[in-house]
N, C-alpha and C. Protein backbone atom coordinates (compact mmCIF):
# COMPACT_ATOMS: atom_id res chain seq x y z
N MET A 1 28.48 35.43 -15.58
CA MET A 1 29.18 34.16 -15.51
C MET A 1 30.14 34.05 -16.68
N LYS A 2 31.31 33.49 -16.43
CA LYS A 2 32.30 33.30 -17.48
C LYS A 2 32.39 31.83 -17.86
N ILE A 3 32.51 31.58 -19.15
CA ILE A 3 32.70 30.22 -19.64
C ILE A 3 33.95 30.20 -20.51
N LYS A 4 34.55 29.01 -20.63
CA LYS A 4 35.70 28.85 -21.52
C LYS A 4 35.24 28.16 -22.79
N ILE A 5 35.63 28.74 -23.92
CA ILE A 5 35.30 28.14 -25.20
C ILE A 5 36.59 27.93 -25.98
N GLU A 6 36.58 26.94 -26.85
CA GLU A 6 37.74 26.66 -27.69
C GLU A 6 37.48 27.13 -29.11
N LYS A 7 38.52 27.73 -29.71
CA LYS A 7 38.42 28.19 -31.09
C LYS A 7 39.61 27.67 -31.89
N GLU A 8 39.34 27.32 -33.13
CA GLU A 8 40.41 26.87 -34.03
C GLU A 8 40.76 28.01 -34.97
N MET A 9 42.06 28.30 -35.10
CA MET A 9 42.52 29.43 -35.91
C MET A 9 43.71 29.02 -36.75
N ASN A 10 43.88 29.67 -37.92
CA ASN A 10 45.12 29.51 -38.66
C ASN A 10 46.16 30.48 -38.11
N LEU A 11 47.37 30.46 -38.66
CA LEU A 11 48.46 31.25 -38.08
C LEU A 11 48.18 32.76 -38.09
N PRO A 12 47.74 33.37 -39.20
CA PRO A 12 47.45 34.81 -39.16
C PRO A 12 46.36 35.15 -38.14
N GLU A 13 45.35 34.31 -38.03
CA GLU A 13 44.28 34.56 -37.06
C GLU A 13 44.80 34.43 -35.63
N LEU A 14 45.71 33.47 -35.41
CA LEU A 14 46.30 33.30 -34.08
C LEU A 14 47.11 34.52 -33.68
N ILE A 15 47.90 35.05 -34.61
CA ILE A 15 48.72 36.23 -34.31
C ILE A 15 47.83 37.44 -34.02
N GLN A 16 46.77 37.61 -34.81
CA GLN A 16 45.84 38.72 -34.57
C GLN A 16 45.16 38.56 -33.22
N TRP A 17 44.74 37.33 -32.88
CA TRP A 17 44.10 37.06 -31.60
C TRP A 17 45.05 37.37 -30.45
N ALA A 18 46.33 36.98 -30.58
CA ALA A 18 47.32 37.24 -29.54
C ALA A 18 47.54 38.74 -29.35
N TRP A 19 47.52 39.47 -30.45
CA TRP A 19 47.67 40.93 -30.39
C TRP A 19 46.49 41.55 -29.64
N ASP A 20 45.29 41.05 -29.89
CA ASP A 20 44.08 41.58 -29.25
C ASP A 20 43.91 41.11 -27.81
N ASN A 21 44.57 39.99 -27.45
CA ASN A 21 44.37 39.38 -26.13
C ASN A 21 45.72 39.07 -25.47
N PRO A 22 46.51 40.10 -25.15
CA PRO A 22 47.84 39.85 -24.58
C PRO A 22 47.82 39.10 -23.25
N LYS A 23 46.77 39.29 -22.45
CA LYS A 23 46.71 38.59 -21.16
C LYS A 23 46.48 37.09 -21.33
N LEU A 24 45.83 36.71 -22.42
CA LEU A 24 45.56 35.29 -22.66
C LEU A 24 46.68 34.61 -23.43
N SER A 25 47.46 35.40 -24.16
CA SER A 25 48.49 34.79 -25.02
C SER A 25 49.90 34.91 -24.46
N GLY A 26 50.15 35.89 -23.56
CA GLY A 26 51.49 36.12 -23.06
C GLY A 26 52.09 34.93 -22.34
N ASN A 27 53.34 34.60 -22.69
CA ASN A 27 54.07 33.47 -22.08
C ASN A 27 53.36 32.14 -22.30
N LYS A 28 52.65 32.03 -23.43
CA LYS A 28 51.93 30.80 -23.76
C LYS A 28 52.50 30.20 -25.05
N ARG A 29 52.39 28.88 -25.11
CA ARG A 29 52.85 28.13 -26.29
C ARG A 29 51.64 27.45 -26.93
N PHE A 30 51.48 27.66 -28.22
CA PHE A 30 50.34 27.10 -28.95
C PHE A 30 50.85 26.14 -30.01
N TYR A 31 50.47 24.87 -29.86
CA TYR A 31 50.93 23.82 -30.77
C TYR A 31 49.98 23.71 -31.96
N SER A 32 50.56 23.37 -33.10
CA SER A 32 49.75 23.06 -34.28
C SER A 32 48.89 21.84 -33.99
N ASN A 33 47.69 21.82 -34.53
CA ASN A 33 46.80 20.67 -34.34
C ASN A 33 47.30 19.43 -35.08
N ASP A 34 48.27 19.62 -35.95
CA ASP A 34 48.93 18.49 -36.62
C ASP A 34 50.04 18.00 -35.68
N VAL A 35 49.69 17.12 -34.75
CA VAL A 35 50.59 16.74 -33.65
C VAL A 35 51.85 16.04 -34.15
N GLU A 36 51.81 15.41 -35.30
CA GLU A 36 52.97 14.67 -35.79
C GLU A 36 54.12 15.60 -36.15
N ARG A 37 53.83 16.84 -36.45
CA ARG A 37 54.88 17.78 -36.87
C ARG A 37 55.55 18.48 -35.70
N ASN A 38 54.92 18.51 -34.53
CA ASN A 38 55.50 19.08 -33.31
C ASN A 38 56.01 20.51 -33.54
N CYS A 39 55.21 21.34 -34.17
CA CYS A 39 55.58 22.75 -34.35
C CYS A 39 54.65 23.62 -33.50
N PHE A 40 55.17 24.76 -33.05
CA PHE A 40 54.38 25.60 -32.16
C PHE A 40 54.82 27.05 -32.26
N VAL A 41 53.97 27.92 -31.72
CA VAL A 41 54.24 29.36 -31.67
C VAL A 41 54.22 29.78 -30.21
N THR A 42 55.25 30.55 -29.79
CA THR A 42 55.34 31.04 -28.42
C THR A 42 55.22 32.56 -28.41
N PHE A 43 54.33 33.09 -27.58
CA PHE A 43 54.17 34.54 -27.44
C PHE A 43 54.77 34.97 -26.12
N HIS A 44 55.54 36.06 -26.14
CA HIS A 44 56.26 36.51 -24.95
C HIS A 44 55.39 37.46 -24.11
N VAL A 45 55.68 37.50 -22.81
CA VAL A 45 54.93 38.36 -21.89
C VAL A 45 55.29 39.82 -22.13
N ASP A 46 54.28 40.70 -22.12
CA ASP A 46 54.48 42.14 -22.26
C ASP A 46 55.35 42.48 -23.46
N SER A 47 55.11 41.81 -24.55
CA SER A 47 55.91 42.04 -25.75
C SER A 47 55.09 41.67 -26.97
N ILE A 48 55.43 42.29 -28.10
CA ILE A 48 54.75 41.93 -29.35
C ILE A 48 55.51 40.84 -30.09
N LEU A 49 56.58 40.31 -29.45
CA LEU A 49 57.41 39.30 -30.10
C LEU A 49 56.83 37.91 -29.93
N CYS A 50 57.07 37.07 -30.94
CA CYS A 50 56.70 35.66 -30.84
C CYS A 50 57.76 34.83 -31.55
N ASN A 51 57.90 33.59 -31.13
CA ASN A 51 58.83 32.64 -31.76
C ASN A 51 58.05 31.52 -32.41
N VAL A 52 58.54 31.08 -33.56
CA VAL A 52 57.95 29.93 -34.25
C VAL A 52 58.98 28.81 -34.23
N THR A 53 58.59 27.66 -33.72
CA THR A 53 59.47 26.49 -33.66
C THR A 53 58.97 25.43 -34.62
N GLY A 54 59.85 24.99 -35.50
CA GLY A 54 59.45 24.02 -36.52
C GLY A 54 58.92 24.72 -37.76
N TYR A 55 58.50 23.95 -38.72
CA TYR A 55 57.97 24.50 -39.97
C TYR A 55 56.46 24.68 -39.84
N VAL A 56 56.05 25.93 -39.80
CA VAL A 56 54.63 26.25 -39.62
C VAL A 56 54.09 26.89 -40.89
N SER A 57 53.01 26.34 -41.40
CA SER A 57 52.33 26.90 -42.56
C SER A 57 51.29 27.91 -42.09
N ILE A 58 51.00 28.90 -42.93
CA ILE A 58 49.98 29.88 -42.55
C ILE A 58 48.60 29.23 -42.46
N ASN A 59 48.48 28.03 -43.05
CA ASN A 59 47.20 27.32 -43.01
C ASN A 59 47.11 26.32 -41.86
N ASP A 60 48.20 26.17 -41.08
CA ASP A 60 48.15 25.29 -39.91
C ASP A 60 47.07 25.77 -38.95
N LYS A 61 46.44 24.83 -38.28
CA LYS A 61 45.38 25.16 -37.34
C LYS A 61 45.89 25.05 -35.91
N PHE A 62 45.49 26.03 -35.09
CA PHE A 62 45.84 26.06 -33.67
C PHE A 62 44.54 26.22 -32.87
N THR A 63 44.52 25.61 -31.68
CA THR A 63 43.34 25.72 -30.81
C THR A 63 43.67 26.61 -29.62
N VAL A 64 42.84 27.62 -29.39
CA VAL A 64 43.03 28.52 -28.26
C VAL A 64 41.79 28.49 -27.38
N GLN A 65 41.99 28.82 -26.10
CA GLN A 65 40.87 28.91 -25.16
C GLN A 65 40.60 30.37 -24.83
N GLU A 66 39.34 30.74 -24.86
CA GLU A 66 38.93 32.09 -24.51
C GLU A 66 37.93 32.05 -23.37
N GLU A 67 38.00 33.07 -22.52
CA GLU A 67 36.97 33.24 -21.50
C GLU A 67 35.96 34.25 -22.02
N MET A 68 34.69 33.89 -21.96
CA MET A 68 33.65 34.79 -22.44
C MET A 68 32.59 34.97 -21.37
N GLU A 69 32.11 36.22 -21.28
CA GLU A 69 30.96 36.48 -20.41
C GLU A 69 29.72 35.86 -21.05
N THR A 70 28.90 35.26 -20.24
CA THR A 70 27.66 34.69 -20.73
C THR A 70 26.53 35.03 -19.77
N MET A 71 25.34 35.08 -20.27
CA MET A 71 24.18 35.36 -19.43
C MET A 71 23.01 34.50 -19.89
N LYS A 72 22.14 34.17 -18.95
CA LYS A 72 20.91 33.45 -19.29
C LYS A 72 19.77 34.45 -19.31
N ILE A 73 19.01 34.41 -20.38
CA ILE A 73 17.88 35.32 -20.51
C ILE A 73 16.63 34.52 -20.86
N LYS A 74 15.49 35.13 -20.62
CA LYS A 74 14.22 34.56 -21.05
C LYS A 74 13.70 35.40 -22.21
N VAL A 75 13.46 34.75 -23.33
CA VAL A 75 12.89 35.43 -24.48
C VAL A 75 11.52 34.83 -24.78
N LYS A 76 10.66 35.66 -25.32
CA LYS A 76 9.31 35.20 -25.65
C LYS A 76 9.29 34.73 -27.10
N LYS A 77 8.90 33.49 -27.29
CA LYS A 77 8.88 32.87 -28.62
C LYS A 77 7.45 32.50 -28.98
N GLU A 78 7.06 32.86 -30.21
CA GLU A 78 5.72 32.51 -30.68
C GLU A 78 5.76 31.15 -31.37
N MET A 79 4.84 30.26 -30.98
CA MET A 79 4.81 28.91 -31.55
C MET A 79 3.38 28.53 -31.91
N LEU A 80 3.24 27.78 -33.00
CA LEU A 80 1.96 27.16 -33.31
C LEU A 80 1.80 25.91 -32.46
N LEU A 81 0.62 25.32 -32.50
CA LEU A 81 0.31 24.20 -31.62
C LEU A 81 1.29 23.04 -31.79
N ASP A 82 1.60 22.67 -33.04
CA ASP A 82 2.52 21.55 -33.25
C ASP A 82 3.92 21.87 -32.76
N GLU A 83 4.34 23.14 -32.92
CA GLU A 83 5.66 23.55 -32.44
C GLU A 83 5.71 23.55 -30.92
N LEU A 84 4.61 23.98 -30.30
CA LEU A 84 4.54 23.98 -28.83
C LEU A 84 4.64 22.57 -28.28
N ILE A 85 3.95 21.62 -28.89
CA ILE A 85 3.99 20.23 -28.42
C ILE A 85 5.39 19.64 -28.61
N LYS A 86 6.02 19.95 -29.74
CA LYS A 86 7.39 19.47 -29.97
C LYS A 86 8.35 20.05 -28.94
N TRP A 87 8.23 21.37 -28.67
CA TRP A 87 9.09 22.02 -27.69
C TRP A 87 8.88 21.41 -26.30
N ALA A 88 7.61 21.14 -25.95
CA ALA A 88 7.31 20.56 -24.64
C ALA A 88 7.91 19.17 -24.50
N ARG A 89 7.88 18.40 -25.58
CA ARG A 89 8.46 17.05 -25.55
C ARG A 89 9.97 17.11 -25.35
N GLU A 90 10.61 18.13 -25.93
CA GLU A 90 12.07 18.26 -25.82
C GLU A 90 12.50 18.96 -24.54
N ASN A 91 11.57 19.63 -23.86
CA ASN A 91 11.89 20.38 -22.64
C ASN A 91 10.89 20.07 -21.53
N PRO A 92 10.86 18.83 -21.05
CA PRO A 92 9.88 18.45 -20.02
C PRO A 92 10.01 19.25 -18.73
N ASP A 93 11.24 19.64 -18.37
CA ASP A 93 11.43 20.40 -17.13
C ASP A 93 10.76 21.77 -17.19
N LEU A 94 10.63 22.32 -18.40
CA LEU A 94 10.05 23.65 -18.56
C LEU A 94 8.56 23.61 -18.87
N SER A 95 8.06 22.46 -19.30
CA SER A 95 6.68 22.41 -19.77
C SER A 95 5.73 21.64 -18.84
N GLN A 96 6.23 20.61 -18.16
CA GLN A 96 5.33 19.78 -17.35
C GLN A 96 4.73 20.58 -16.19
N GLY A 97 3.42 20.44 -16.04
CA GLY A 97 2.72 21.17 -14.99
C GLY A 97 2.38 22.60 -15.35
N LYS A 98 2.60 22.99 -16.61
CA LYS A 98 2.37 24.37 -17.05
C LYS A 98 1.17 24.45 -17.99
N ILE A 99 0.55 25.62 -17.99
CA ILE A 99 -0.54 25.92 -18.92
C ILE A 99 -0.10 27.06 -19.84
N PHE A 100 -0.30 26.89 -21.13
CA PHE A 100 0.07 27.89 -22.11
C PHE A 100 -1.19 28.37 -22.83
N PHE A 101 -1.41 29.68 -22.78
CA PHE A 101 -2.61 30.26 -23.37
C PHE A 101 -2.32 30.77 -24.78
N SER A 102 -3.31 30.65 -25.64
CA SER A 102 -3.15 31.14 -27.01
C SER A 102 -3.27 32.66 -27.03
N THR A 103 -2.73 33.28 -28.08
CA THR A 103 -2.74 34.74 -28.16
C THR A 103 -3.95 35.28 -28.91
N GLY A 104 -4.53 34.49 -29.80
CA GLY A 104 -5.61 35.02 -30.62
C GLY A 104 -6.94 34.33 -30.40
N PHE A 105 -7.01 33.46 -29.42
CA PHE A 105 -8.24 32.69 -29.15
C PHE A 105 -8.43 32.71 -27.65
N SER A 106 -9.35 33.56 -27.19
CA SER A 106 -9.40 33.93 -25.77
C SER A 106 -9.55 32.74 -24.82
N ASP A 107 -10.24 31.69 -25.25
CA ASP A 107 -10.45 30.55 -24.35
C ASP A 107 -9.48 29.40 -24.61
N GLY A 108 -8.54 29.59 -25.50
CA GLY A 108 -7.67 28.49 -25.89
C GLY A 108 -6.46 28.33 -24.99
N PHE A 109 -6.21 27.11 -24.55
CA PHE A 109 -4.98 26.84 -23.80
C PHE A 109 -4.61 25.37 -23.96
N VAL A 110 -3.34 25.10 -23.70
CA VAL A 110 -2.83 23.73 -23.67
C VAL A 110 -2.20 23.51 -22.31
N ARG A 111 -2.55 22.42 -21.67
CA ARG A 111 -1.97 22.09 -20.36
C ARG A 111 -1.14 20.82 -20.50
N PHE A 112 0.11 20.91 -20.04
CA PHE A 112 0.99 19.74 -20.00
C PHE A 112 1.01 19.22 -18.56
N HIS A 113 0.59 18.00 -18.38
CA HIS A 113 0.41 17.45 -17.04
C HIS A 113 1.76 17.10 -16.39
N PRO A 114 1.86 17.24 -15.07
CA PRO A 114 3.13 16.96 -14.38
C PRO A 114 3.47 15.47 -14.37
N ASN A 115 4.77 15.21 -14.48
CA ASN A 115 5.30 13.84 -14.37
C ASN A 115 4.71 12.86 -15.37
N THR A 116 4.35 13.36 -16.54
CA THR A 116 3.81 12.50 -17.59
C THR A 116 4.01 13.20 -18.93
N ASN A 117 3.82 12.44 -20.01
CA ASN A 117 3.94 13.04 -21.34
C ASN A 117 2.57 13.39 -21.93
N LYS A 118 1.56 13.51 -21.08
CA LYS A 118 0.21 13.80 -21.55
C LYS A 118 -0.07 15.30 -21.51
N CYS A 119 -0.95 15.72 -22.44
CA CYS A 119 -1.40 17.10 -22.45
C CYS A 119 -2.88 17.13 -22.77
N SER A 120 -3.52 18.24 -22.43
CA SER A 120 -4.94 18.42 -22.73
C SER A 120 -5.16 19.84 -23.25
N THR A 121 -6.22 20.02 -24.02
CA THR A 121 -6.54 21.34 -24.56
C THR A 121 -7.93 21.75 -24.10
N SER A 122 -8.21 23.03 -24.25
CA SER A 122 -9.52 23.56 -23.88
C SER A 122 -10.48 23.34 -25.05
N SER A 123 -11.35 22.40 -24.92
CA SER A 123 -12.34 22.05 -25.96
C SER A 123 -11.70 22.04 -27.35
N PHE A 124 -12.22 22.86 -28.27
CA PHE A 124 -11.69 22.88 -29.63
C PHE A 124 -10.87 24.15 -29.84
N ILE A 125 -9.63 23.99 -30.30
CA ILE A 125 -8.81 25.16 -30.63
C ILE A 125 -8.23 24.97 -32.03
N PRO A 126 -8.15 26.05 -32.82
CA PRO A 126 -7.59 25.95 -34.16
C PRO A 126 -6.12 25.55 -34.11
N ILE A 127 -5.67 24.77 -35.08
CA ILE A 127 -4.27 24.31 -35.08
C ILE A 127 -3.31 25.42 -35.48
N ASP A 128 -3.81 26.52 -36.05
CA ASP A 128 -2.92 27.60 -36.48
C ASP A 128 -2.94 28.79 -35.53
N ILE A 129 -3.43 28.58 -34.31
CA ILE A 129 -3.43 29.64 -33.30
C ILE A 129 -2.06 29.68 -32.62
N PRO A 130 -1.43 30.87 -32.51
CA PRO A 130 -0.11 30.95 -31.88
C PRO A 130 -0.18 30.99 -30.35
N PHE A 131 0.88 30.50 -29.74
CA PHE A 131 1.08 30.56 -28.29
C PHE A 131 2.40 31.27 -28.02
N ILE A 132 2.46 32.00 -26.91
CA ILE A 132 3.70 32.67 -26.51
C ILE A 132 4.35 31.86 -25.39
N VAL A 133 5.62 31.49 -25.60
CA VAL A 133 6.35 30.66 -24.64
C VAL A 133 7.61 31.39 -24.20
N ASP A 134 7.87 31.39 -22.89
CA ASP A 134 9.13 31.94 -22.36
C ASP A 134 10.21 30.87 -22.47
N ILE A 135 11.24 31.17 -23.25
CA ILE A 135 12.33 30.22 -23.46
C ILE A 135 13.61 30.79 -22.84
N GLU A 136 14.31 29.96 -22.06
CA GLU A 136 15.57 30.37 -21.46
C GLU A 136 16.72 29.98 -22.38
N LYS A 137 17.59 30.94 -22.67
CA LYS A 137 18.73 30.63 -23.53
C LYS A 137 19.97 31.34 -23.01
N GLU A 138 21.13 30.79 -23.34
CA GLU A 138 22.41 31.34 -22.93
C GLU A 138 22.96 32.21 -24.06
N VAL A 139 23.41 33.41 -23.71
CA VAL A 139 23.85 34.37 -24.71
C VAL A 139 25.25 34.85 -24.39
N THR A 140 26.10 34.95 -25.42
CA THR A 140 27.40 35.62 -25.34
C THR A 140 27.42 36.71 -26.40
N GLU A 141 28.52 37.45 -26.47
CA GLU A 141 28.63 38.49 -27.49
C GLU A 141 28.75 37.90 -28.89
N GLU A 142 29.01 36.59 -28.99
CA GLU A 142 29.13 35.96 -30.31
C GLU A 142 27.87 35.21 -30.72
N THR A 143 26.85 35.21 -29.88
CA THR A 143 25.60 34.52 -30.20
C THR A 143 24.84 35.30 -31.27
N LYS A 144 24.48 34.63 -32.35
CA LYS A 144 23.67 35.28 -33.39
C LYS A 144 22.22 35.34 -32.91
N VAL A 145 21.65 36.52 -33.00
CA VAL A 145 20.30 36.78 -32.52
C VAL A 145 19.39 37.02 -33.71
N ASP A 146 18.18 36.45 -33.66
CA ASP A 146 17.24 36.61 -34.78
C ASP A 146 16.97 38.08 -35.08
N ARG A 147 16.65 38.84 -34.03
CA ARG A 147 16.37 40.28 -34.20
C ARG A 147 17.07 41.03 -33.06
N LEU A 148 18.12 41.74 -33.40
CA LEU A 148 18.96 42.45 -32.42
C LEU A 148 18.85 43.95 -32.68
N ILE A 149 18.51 44.71 -31.64
CA ILE A 149 18.39 46.16 -31.76
C ILE A 149 19.58 46.82 -31.07
N GLU A 150 20.27 47.68 -31.80
CA GLU A 150 21.40 48.44 -31.25
C GLU A 150 20.97 49.88 -31.00
N LEU A 151 21.24 50.37 -29.80
CA LEU A 151 21.00 51.77 -29.46
C LEU A 151 22.35 52.47 -29.39
N PHE A 152 22.54 53.50 -30.21
CA PHE A 152 23.83 54.19 -30.21
C PHE A 152 23.62 55.70 -30.12
N GLU A 153 24.67 56.38 -29.70
CA GLU A 153 24.62 57.83 -29.46
C GLU A 153 25.33 58.55 -30.60
N ILE A 154 24.57 59.30 -31.38
CA ILE A 154 25.14 60.04 -32.51
C ILE A 154 25.96 61.21 -31.99
N GLN A 155 25.39 61.96 -31.07
CA GLN A 155 26.09 63.00 -30.34
C GLN A 155 25.46 63.07 -28.96
N GLU A 156 26.03 63.85 -28.08
CA GLU A 156 25.58 63.83 -26.69
C GLU A 156 24.08 64.10 -26.57
N GLY A 157 23.37 63.12 -26.01
CA GLY A 157 21.93 63.26 -25.82
C GLY A 157 21.08 62.95 -27.03
N ASP A 158 21.72 62.62 -28.16
CA ASP A 158 20.99 62.32 -29.39
C ASP A 158 21.19 60.84 -29.74
N TYR A 159 20.14 60.05 -29.62
CA TYR A 159 20.24 58.60 -29.79
C TYR A 159 19.50 58.13 -31.04
N ASN A 160 19.97 57.02 -31.57
CA ASN A 160 19.31 56.38 -32.70
C ASN A 160 19.42 54.87 -32.52
N SER A 161 18.67 54.12 -33.30
CA SER A 161 18.71 52.67 -33.18
C SER A 161 18.67 52.01 -34.55
N THR A 162 19.17 50.77 -34.59
CA THR A 162 19.19 49.98 -35.82
C THR A 162 18.78 48.56 -35.49
N LEU A 163 17.99 47.95 -36.36
CA LEU A 163 17.58 46.56 -36.20
C LEU A 163 18.41 45.68 -37.11
N TYR A 164 19.03 44.63 -36.53
CA TYR A 164 19.82 43.66 -37.28
C TYR A 164 19.12 42.30 -37.21
N GLU A 165 19.27 41.52 -38.26
CA GLU A 165 18.72 40.16 -38.27
C GLU A 165 19.84 39.14 -38.35
N ASN A 166 19.72 38.09 -37.52
CA ASN A 166 20.70 37.00 -37.48
C ASN A 166 22.13 37.53 -37.35
N THR A 167 22.34 38.37 -36.36
CA THR A 167 23.62 39.05 -36.15
C THR A 167 24.01 38.96 -34.68
N SER A 168 25.31 38.96 -34.40
CA SER A 168 25.81 38.94 -33.03
C SER A 168 26.21 40.35 -32.59
N ILE A 169 26.33 40.53 -31.28
CA ILE A 169 26.80 41.81 -30.74
C ILE A 169 28.21 42.10 -31.25
N LYS A 170 29.06 41.09 -31.27
CA LYS A 170 30.44 41.28 -31.70
C LYS A 170 30.50 41.78 -33.14
N GLU A 171 29.65 41.23 -34.00
CA GLU A 171 29.62 41.68 -35.40
C GLU A 171 29.17 43.13 -35.50
N CYS A 172 28.21 43.52 -34.67
CA CYS A 172 27.72 44.90 -34.69
C CYS A 172 28.78 45.90 -34.21
N LEU A 173 29.57 45.49 -33.23
CA LEU A 173 30.57 46.39 -32.65
C LEU A 173 31.79 46.57 -33.54
N TYR A 174 32.01 45.63 -34.47
CA TYR A 174 33.22 45.68 -35.30
C TYR A 174 33.20 46.94 -36.18
N GLY A 175 34.23 47.77 -36.04
CA GLY A 175 34.36 48.96 -36.86
C GLY A 175 33.39 50.08 -36.51
N ARG A 176 32.75 49.98 -35.35
CA ARG A 176 31.77 50.99 -34.96
C ARG A 176 32.45 52.34 -34.73
N CYS A 177 31.91 53.41 -35.35
CA CYS A 177 32.50 54.75 -35.24
C CYS A 177 31.82 55.61 -34.17
N VAL A 178 30.61 55.26 -33.79
CA VAL A 178 29.90 56.03 -32.76
C VAL A 178 29.66 55.13 -31.55
N PRO A 179 29.54 55.72 -30.35
CA PRO A 179 29.41 54.91 -29.14
C PRO A 179 28.10 54.11 -29.11
N THR A 180 28.22 52.81 -28.89
CA THR A 180 27.05 51.96 -28.70
C THR A 180 26.68 51.95 -27.23
N LYS A 181 25.42 52.24 -26.92
CA LYS A 181 24.98 52.32 -25.53
C LYS A 181 24.36 51.02 -25.04
N ALA A 182 23.62 50.33 -25.92
CA ALA A 182 22.91 49.13 -25.45
C ALA A 182 22.49 48.26 -26.63
N PHE A 183 22.25 46.97 -26.31
CA PHE A 183 21.67 46.03 -27.26
C PHE A 183 20.44 45.39 -26.62
N TYR A 184 19.41 45.21 -27.43
CA TYR A 184 18.17 44.56 -26.99
C TYR A 184 17.82 43.42 -27.94
N ILE A 185 17.18 42.39 -27.40
CA ILE A 185 16.57 41.36 -28.24
C ILE A 185 15.11 41.74 -28.44
N LEU A 186 14.68 41.76 -29.71
CA LEU A 186 13.27 42.01 -30.01
C LEU A 186 12.53 40.68 -30.01
N ASN A 187 11.60 40.52 -29.07
CA ASN A 187 10.87 39.27 -28.92
C ASN A 187 9.72 39.17 -29.93
N ASP A 188 9.16 37.97 -30.05
CA ASP A 188 8.08 37.74 -31.00
C ASP A 188 6.83 38.56 -30.67
N ASP A 189 6.63 38.90 -29.37
CA ASP A 189 5.45 39.69 -29.00
C ASP A 189 5.75 41.19 -29.02
N LEU A 190 6.90 41.56 -29.62
CA LEU A 190 7.33 42.95 -29.81
C LEU A 190 7.79 43.63 -28.52
N THR A 191 7.93 42.88 -27.42
CA THR A 191 8.64 43.42 -26.25
C THR A 191 10.14 43.29 -26.50
N MET A 192 10.93 44.01 -25.71
CA MET A 192 12.38 43.97 -25.88
C MET A 192 13.06 43.54 -24.58
N THR A 193 14.15 42.79 -24.71
CA THR A 193 14.93 42.33 -23.56
C THR A 193 16.32 42.95 -23.63
N LEU A 194 16.68 43.75 -22.61
CA LEU A 194 18.00 44.37 -22.56
C LEU A 194 19.04 43.31 -22.21
N ILE A 195 20.08 43.16 -23.04
CA ILE A 195 21.10 42.14 -22.77
C ILE A 195 22.51 42.71 -22.65
N TRP A 196 22.74 43.95 -23.10
CA TRP A 196 24.10 44.51 -23.12
C TRP A 196 23.99 46.00 -22.89
N LYS A 197 24.85 46.53 -21.99
CA LYS A 197 24.80 47.95 -21.68
C LYS A 197 26.17 48.44 -21.24
N ASP A 198 26.57 49.60 -21.75
CA ASP A 198 27.82 50.25 -21.34
C ASP A 198 29.02 49.32 -21.43
N GLY A 199 29.11 48.57 -22.52
CA GLY A 199 30.31 47.79 -22.80
C GLY A 199 30.33 46.37 -22.31
N GLU A 200 29.25 45.87 -21.70
CA GLU A 200 29.29 44.50 -21.20
C GLU A 200 27.90 43.88 -21.14
N LEU A 201 27.90 42.55 -21.14
CA LEU A 201 26.64 41.82 -20.98
C LEU A 201 26.10 42.03 -19.58
N LEU A 202 24.79 42.00 -19.45
CA LEU A 202 24.16 42.10 -18.13
C LEU A 202 24.10 40.70 -17.54
N VAL A 203 25.03 40.38 -16.65
CA VAL A 203 25.12 39.02 -16.09
C VAL A 203 24.50 39.00 -14.70
């Protein structure tokens, strides 16, 4: 699925963006966000030329629209009891009518009743016992991921991997010298979710 997002850029960033995205910038006019000055930059079709109308500072801000691939994935998140209850309160559509079992206490579970804000637990459960919850989230190449694993090919048939923390796919790909084959999200239960392969998100 593709979504449109807006980005604010200064003049050098706008020119670099236009160079990288000729299909999005060609034959387009981008006005400064300072509307009182009525200055703008025009990029020509199939050309590296652009015109500047009015007095434009390199610090002027411009807003551009980008189309980005996005995908919805389910990731496994570990939560303590208080975190689980807070998440359930904020996500009634995902929690009501569901039972969540604890990971370290074989008989422990929390049940959130349908069409109400009530929940019940199995007899006595420790408050520091973790639960695993499937959370649905939307991901693009610019989404920062808590734990992102990159699989890359050093030479034909020889693969290696790297773990990144709080990093996006786009940041990992910047300046990459060897071919990246795939990206995975490392879940709290140590399973992995494939989200990117052979140059694109899995939509």
